[in-house]
Amino acid sequence: MNMEEKKSIFKKIHNDGFTWHDSIFTIFLLFLFVFIVTQIIESNALGAVVRAFPGIVDDGFWSLFVMYAATIVTWICFGGYCLITKYNRFILKASGTQEKGNTIKMLLLGLLIGFGENAFGILAAVIHGDIHLTFEGCSVLGLIVMFIAVFVQSSSEEFVCRGFLYQRLRKGYRSPWVAIIGNAVIFMSLHLFNPGISLVPILHLVAIALFYSLFVYYFDSIWLPMAAHAAWNFTQNIIFGLPNSGIVSTFSIWKLEAARGDISFIYDPFFGVEGSAFLLITTVIGMVIVIVLGEKKKRKAIEA
């Protein structure tokens, strides 16, 4: 292969203006560096809060609130990095109102999708006899406060994966699938050490990341997956008290009174409803629907 052929292949893979900043290797190294810094700061912040208010450890509501709210450090670190590095400021623009798909309509649609899919899986698990729930109750104010904390956590993950990683990879590579698959693999990797992880949860983590990435690709909206992710976590963890990616909730409206001990097609007692083959299939169906609608939207835009 001569030099001209190599240059031709390079141009087919990379976007115009590609530099070393845009290589997958560089992007993943930068991500890893900022992520490690984030984890160190967040861990120390949590430790400081516990030392200042030791009673939090024994309070289900506030211990869960602090765990979720502490992820604002992720927003500060990754958002701050994008702000101080001119090369990455476009990521902040893609996450704000300047992006045409970031609207209240998309935000509400995301909440509906996240709540709907998760609640559908939980309803199926109840009907199938995998779990039994009892109503505990909660104050409206408590729910609002907790939802804000959950939204901070969920949207921070979306900003890191569907924002920082996705946008950086899209900037460097012509095929959108480099960004879509690349950030999905990293998203899954962030959950590899969660309690109860196994093959089906791993596959579903990749699938849900692809699902949310397709929202960004076809509808130019990171707000949609931010809202869907928050509604998903809030529904599973706070409303119904089920394990959220293997992490057991210390506060919820409903309590998990009983669950079958083995993994079924509809429920995973170790990882939660999201670890089931049932919701994996549901998510894949959702991906197909988004692709069909997205391609239709693209054709209309071209014809117009």
Protein backbone atom coordinates (compact mmCIF):
# COMPACT_ATOMS: atom_id res chain seq x y z
CA MET A 1 0.00 0.00 0.00
CA ASN A 2 1.53 3.31 -1.08
CA MET A 3 1.35 6.63 0.72
CA GLU A 4 -1.52 7.95 -1.40
CA GLU A 5 -3.65 4.91 -0.60
CA LYS A 6 -2.94 5.32 3.11
CA LYS A 7 -3.97 8.98 2.95
CA SER A 8 -7.18 8.02 1.14
CA ILE A 9 -8.11 5.48 3.81
CA PHE A 10 -7.24 8.00 6.53
CA LYS A 11 -9.59 10.60 5.00
CA LYS A 12 -12.37 8.05 4.70
CA ILE A 13 -12.12 7.24 8.41
CA HIS A 14 -11.46 10.69 9.87
CA ASN A 15 -13.20 14.02 9.51
CA ASP A 16 -11.48 17.02 7.92
CA GLY A 17 -9.19 18.85 10.29
CA PHE A 18 -8.44 15.68 12.29
CA THR A 19 -5.54 16.13 14.72
CA TRP A 20 -3.95 14.03 17.47
CA HIS A 21 -6.54 15.57 19.86
CA ASP A 22 -9.23 13.60 18.02
CA SER A 23 -7.71 10.11 18.10
CA ILE A 24 -9.55 7.44 20.07
CA PHE A 25 -6.41 6.80 22.12
CA THR A 26 -6.05 10.45 23.15
CA ILE A 27 -9.75 10.85 23.90
CA PHE A 28 -9.84 7.76 26.13
CA LEU A 29 -6.67 8.83 27.95
CA LEU A 30 -8.11 12.29 28.64
CA PHE A 31 -11.36 10.73 29.76
CA LEU A 32 -9.54 8.35 32.11
CA PHE A 33 -7.49 11.17 33.62
CA VAL A 34 -10.49 13.43 34.31
CA PHE A 35 -12.53 10.47 35.54
CA ILE A 36 -9.86 9.42 38.07
CA VAL A 37 -9.56 13.01 39.33
CA THR A 38 -13.34 13.11 39.64
CA GLN A 39 -13.47 9.90 41.67
CA ILE A 40 -10.75 11.07 44.05
CA ILE A 41 -12.48 14.40 44.70
CA GLU A 42 -15.91 12.79 45.05
CA SER A 43 -14.62 10.15 47.47
CA ASN A 44 -12.98 12.79 49.66
CA ALA A 45 -16.10 14.98 49.52
CA LEU A 46 -18.28 12.09 50.65
CA GLY A 47 -15.84 11.29 53.43
CA ALA A 48 -15.88 14.91 54.60
CA VAL A 49 -19.70 14.96 54.70
CA VAL A 50 -19.84 11.72 56.71
CA ARG A 51 -17.26 13.01 59.18
CA ALA A 52 -19.17 16.28 59.59
CA PHE A 53 -22.57 14.56 59.87
CA PRO A 54 -22.00 10.98 61.09
CA GLY A 55 -25.74 10.44 61.56
CA ILE A 56 -26.19 10.42 57.76
CA VAL A 57 -24.88 6.84 57.59
CA ASP A 58 -27.89 5.60 59.59
CA ASP A 59 -30.48 7.73 57.79
CA GLY A 60 -31.75 5.97 54.66
CA PHE A 61 -33.04 9.13 53.00
CA TRP A 62 -30.04 11.37 53.56
CA SER A 63 -27.40 8.71 52.96
CA LEU A 64 -28.95 7.99 49.53
CA PHE A 65 -29.40 11.69 48.82
CA VAL A 66 -25.74 12.45 49.58
CA MET A 67 -24.57 9.51 47.44
CA TYR A 68 -26.52 10.81 44.45
CA ALA A 69 -25.87 14.52 45.06
CA ALA A 70 -22.11 13.99 45.39
CA THR A 71 -21.97 13.25 41.67
CA ILE A 72 -22.22 16.98 41.05
CA VAL A 73 -18.43 16.67 41.27
CA THR A 74 -18.58 14.88 37.90
CA TRP A 75 -20.39 17.86 36.39
CA ILE A 76 -17.85 20.25 37.90
CA CYS A 77 -14.78 18.30 36.76
CA PHE A 78 -15.84 17.35 33.23
CA GLY A 79 -17.77 20.58 32.66
CA GLY A 80 -14.88 22.62 34.03
CA TYR A 81 -12.41 20.77 31.81
CA CYS A 82 -14.52 21.53 28.74
CA LEU A 83 -14.84 25.16 29.79
CA ILE A 84 -11.14 25.84 30.32
CA THR A 85 -10.03 23.99 27.18
CA LYS A 86 -11.17 25.93 24.14
CA TYR A 87 -10.96 22.80 22.00
CA ASN A 88 -13.75 21.17 24.04
CA ARG A 89 -16.17 24.05 24.52
CA PHE A 90 -18.35 22.80 21.68
CA ILE A 91 -19.37 19.94 24.02
CA LEU A 92 -20.93 22.43 26.41
CA LYS A 93 -22.83 24.04 23.51
CA ALA A 94 -24.11 20.61 22.45
CA SER A 95 -25.39 20.10 26.00
CA GLY A 96 -27.20 23.44 26.27
CA THR A 97 -30.11 25.23 24.66
CA GLN A 98 -28.05 26.11 21.59
CA GLU A 99 -28.54 22.53 20.39
CA LYS A 100 -31.89 22.43 18.56
CA GLY A 101 -33.00 19.14 20.11
CA ASN A 102 -32.49 20.24 23.70
CA THR A 103 -36.05 21.34 24.42
CA ILE A 104 -38.62 20.93 27.18
CA LYS A 105 -40.53 18.62 24.84
CA MET A 106 -37.55 16.27 24.59
CA LEU A 107 -37.00 16.49 28.33
CA LEU A 108 -40.59 15.41 29.01
CA LEU A 109 -40.37 12.67 26.37
CA GLY A 110 -37.24 11.35 28.07
CA LEU A 111 -39.00 11.23 31.44
CA LEU A 112 -41.86 9.31 29.85
CA ILE A 113 -39.53 6.80 28.15
CA GLY A 114 -37.42 6.20 31.25
CA PHE A 115 -40.39 5.80 33.57
CA GLY A 116 -42.41 3.80 31.05
CA GLU A 117 -39.79 1.18 30.20
CA ASN A 118 -38.66 0.62 33.77
CA ALA A 119 -42.19 0.52 35.17
CA PHE A 120 -43.14 -1.94 32.40
CA GLY A 121 -40.35 -4.29 33.51
CA ILE A 122 -41.31 -3.97 37.18
CA LEU A 123 -44.99 -4.61 36.43
CA ALA A 124 -44.02 -7.74 34.49
CA ALA A 125 -41.88 -8.93 37.42
CA VAL A 126 -44.77 -8.41 39.86
CA ILE A 127 -47.26 -10.24 37.63
CA HIS A 128 -44.78 -13.06 37.06
CA GLY A 129 -44.32 -13.42 40.82
CA ASP A 130 -40.62 -12.53 40.85
CA ILE A 131 -41.06 -9.73 43.40
CA HIS A 132 -43.57 -8.58 45.99
CA LEU A 133 -43.77 -4.90 46.96
CA THR A 134 -45.39 -3.15 49.91
CA PHE A 135 -46.32 0.54 50.05
CA GLU A 136 -44.40 2.62 52.61
CA GLY A 137 -45.29 6.20 51.61
CA CYS A 138 -43.24 9.38 51.40
CA SER A 139 -43.61 13.16 51.54
CA VAL A 140 -43.95 15.10 48.29
CA LEU A 141 -41.08 17.38 49.33
CA GLY A 142 -38.88 14.36 49.98
CA LEU A 143 -39.60 13.01 46.50
CA ILE A 144 -38.78 16.34 44.86
CA VAL A 145 -35.50 16.66 46.76
CA MET A 146 -34.52 13.10 45.88
CA PHE A 147 -35.47 13.49 42.22
CA ILE A 148 -33.18 16.51 41.95
CA ALA A 149 -30.31 14.45 43.39
CA VAL A 150 -31.06 11.52 41.07
CA PHE A 151 -31.19 13.87 38.08
CA VAL A 152 -27.79 15.30 39.00
CA GLN A 153 -26.31 11.77 39.10
CA SER A 154 -28.00 10.45 35.96
CA SER A 155 -27.37 13.55 33.86
CA SER A 156 -23.71 13.57 34.93
CA GLU A 157 -23.28 10.06 33.50
CA GLU A 158 -24.99 11.18 30.31
CA PHE A 159 -22.79 14.28 30.07
CA VAL A 160 -19.68 12.14 30.46
CA CYS A 161 -20.71 9.43 27.97
CA ARG A 162 -23.28 10.91 25.55
CA GLY A 163 -21.74 14.35 25.92
CA PHE A 164 -17.96 14.34 26.36
CA LEU A 165 -17.08 10.95 24.81
CA TYR A 166 -19.74 10.93 22.10
CA GLN A 167 -19.10 14.48 20.92
CA ARG A 168 -15.30 14.10 20.92
CA LEU A 169 -15.50 10.88 18.89
CA ARG A 170 -18.03 12.40 16.47
CA LYS A 171 -15.68 15.31 15.90
CA GLY A 172 -12.84 13.05 14.83
CA TYR A 173 -14.48 10.20 12.93
CA ARG A 174 -16.80 10.18 9.92
CA SER A 175 -18.85 7.15 10.94
CA PRO A 176 -21.30 7.98 13.75
CA TRP A 177 -20.96 4.39 14.94
CA VAL A 178 -17.45 5.09 16.25
CA ALA A 179 -18.99 7.55 18.74
CA ILE A 180 -22.14 5.50 19.36
CA ILE A 181 -20.35 2.23 20.07
CA GLY A 182 -17.27 3.81 21.66
CA ASN A 183 -19.15 5.64 24.39
CA ALA A 184 -21.45 2.63 24.95
CA VAL A 185 -18.48 0.38 25.72
CA ILE A 186 -17.09 2.91 28.21
CA PHE A 187 -20.53 3.34 29.82
CA MET A 188 -20.74 -0.42 30.34
CA SER A 189 -17.18 -0.49 31.71
CA LEU A 190 -18.09 2.07 34.39
CA HIS A 191 -20.52 -0.49 35.83
CA LEU A 192 -18.32 -3.60 35.61
CA PHE A 193 -17.58 -3.64 39.34
CA ASN A 194 -21.18 -3.11 40.46
CA PRO A 195 -22.69 -5.81 42.69
CA GLY A 196 -24.47 -8.60 40.81
CA ILE A 197 -22.87 -7.94 37.43
CA SER A 198 -23.15 -10.81 34.94
CA LEU A 199 -23.51 -11.40 31.20
CA VAL A 200 -27.12 -10.22 30.69
CA PRO A 201 -26.64 -6.99 32.72
CA ILE A 202 -23.47 -6.27 30.71
CA LEU A 203 -25.34 -6.75 27.44
CA HIS A 204 -28.18 -4.55 28.68
CA LEU A 205 -25.80 -1.80 29.79
CA VAL A 206 -24.35 -1.73 26.27
CA ALA A 207 -27.84 -1.82 24.73
CA ILE A 208 -29.20 1.02 26.86
CA ALA A 209 -26.09 3.11 26.08
CA LEU A 210 -26.60 2.49 22.35
CA PHE A 211 -30.30 3.35 22.77
CA TYR A 212 -29.49 6.67 24.44
CA SER A 213 -26.71 7.44 21.94
CA LEU A 214 -29.18 7.03 19.08
CA PHE A 215 -31.34 9.71 20.71
CA VAL A 216 -28.40 12.12 20.49
CA TYR A 217 -27.49 11.11 16.94
CA TYR A 218 -30.96 11.25 15.38
CA PHE A 219 -32.62 13.98 17.46
CA ASP A 220 -29.68 16.21 18.45
CA SER A 221 -30.74 16.03 22.07
CA ILE A 222 -28.72 15.00 25.09
CA TRP A 223 -31.56 16.25 27.28
CA LEU A 224 -33.70 13.33 26.11
CA PRO A 225 -31.33 10.60 27.43
CA MET A 226 -30.55 12.68 30.53
CA ALA A 227 -34.25 12.70 31.42
CA ALA A 228 -34.76 9.04 30.44
CA HIS A 229 -31.79 7.97 32.57
CA ALA A 230 -32.99 9.99 35.56
CA ALA A 231 -36.55 8.67 35.29
CA TRP A 232 -35.22 5.12 34.96
CA ASN A 233 -33.09 5.36 38.13
CA PHE A 234 -35.77 7.22 40.07
CA THR A 235 -38.47 4.71 39.15
CA GLN A 236 -36.40 1.67 39.99
CA ASN A 237 -34.54 2.95 43.05
CA ILE A 238 -36.76 5.57 44.70
CA ILE A 239 -40.31 4.68 43.72
CA PHE A 240 -40.10 0.88 43.89
CA GLY A 241 -37.01 0.30 46.04
CA LEU A 242 -35.36 -2.21 43.71
CA PRO A 243 -31.61 -2.63 43.13
CA ASN A 244 -30.32 -0.01 40.69
CA SER A 245 -27.47 -1.57 38.71
CA GLY A 246 -26.91 -3.83 41.69
CA ILE A 247 -26.96 -1.01 44.28
CA VAL A 248 -29.74 -1.45 46.86
CA SER A 249 -31.81 1.60 47.76
CA THR A 250 -31.91 2.74 51.40
CA PHE A 251 -35.03 4.85 50.78
CA SER A 252 -38.12 4.32 48.62
CA ILE A 253 -41.91 4.74 48.42
CA TRP A 254 -42.44 1.02 47.92
CA LYS A 255 -40.33 -1.63 49.66
CA LEU A 256 -39.14 -4.91 48.22
CA GLU A 257 -40.74 -7.36 50.64
CA ALA A 258 -39.76 -10.55 48.85
CA ALA A 259 -38.02 -11.70 45.69
CA ARG A 260 -37.31 -15.07 44.18
CA GLY A 261 -33.76 -16.19 44.83
CA ASP A 262 -32.84 -17.17 41.30
CA ILE A 263 -32.55 -15.17 38.09
CA SER A 264 -35.58 -15.42 35.82
CA PHE A 265 -36.29 -14.18 32.30
CA ILE A 266 -37.99 -11.10 33.79
CA TYR A 267 -36.04 -10.33 36.99
CA ASP A 268 -32.50 -10.49 38.35
CA PRO A 269 -32.53 -10.39 42.19
CA PHE A 270 -28.87 -9.33 42.26
CA PHE A 271 -28.77 -6.57 39.63
CA GLY A 272 -32.42 -5.55 39.52
CA VAL A 273 -35.03 -5.51 36.81
CA GLU A 274 -32.52 -3.98 34.39
CA GLY A 275 -30.49 -7.16 34.61
CA SER A 276 -33.24 -9.20 32.97
CA ALA A 277 -33.36 -10.59 29.45
CA PHE A 278 -36.91 -9.20 29.26
CA LEU A 279 -35.83 -5.56 29.53
CA LEU A 280 -32.81 -6.23 27.32
CA ILE A 281 -35.18 -7.28 24.53
CA THR A 282 -37.42 -4.28 25.29
CA THR A 283 -34.46 -1.93 24.93
CA VAL A 284 -33.39 -3.53 21.63
CA ILE A 285 -36.94 -3.05 20.31
CA GLY A 286 -36.72 0.58 21.42
CA MET A 287 -33.43 0.96 19.52
CA VAL A 288 -35.04 -0.38 16.34
CA ILE A 289 -37.93 2.07 16.71
CA VAL A 290 -35.54 5.01 17.19
CA ILE A 291 -33.51 4.00 14.11
CA VAL A 292 -36.66 3.69 11.97
CA LEU A 293 -38.01 7.05 13.15
CA GLY A 294 -34.60 8.68 12.92
CA GLU A 295 -33.96 7.51 9.36
CA LYS A 296 -37.42 8.72 8.39
CA LYS A 297 -36.62 12.10 9.93
CA LYS A 298 -33.33 12.27 7.98
CA ARG A 299 -35.07 11.46 4.68
CA LYS A 300 -37.63 14.21 5.26
CA ALA A 301 -34.85 16.68 6.01
CA ILE A 302 -33.05 15.76 2.77
CA GLU A 303 -36.23 16.01 0.69
CA ALA A 304 -37.05 19.38 2.22
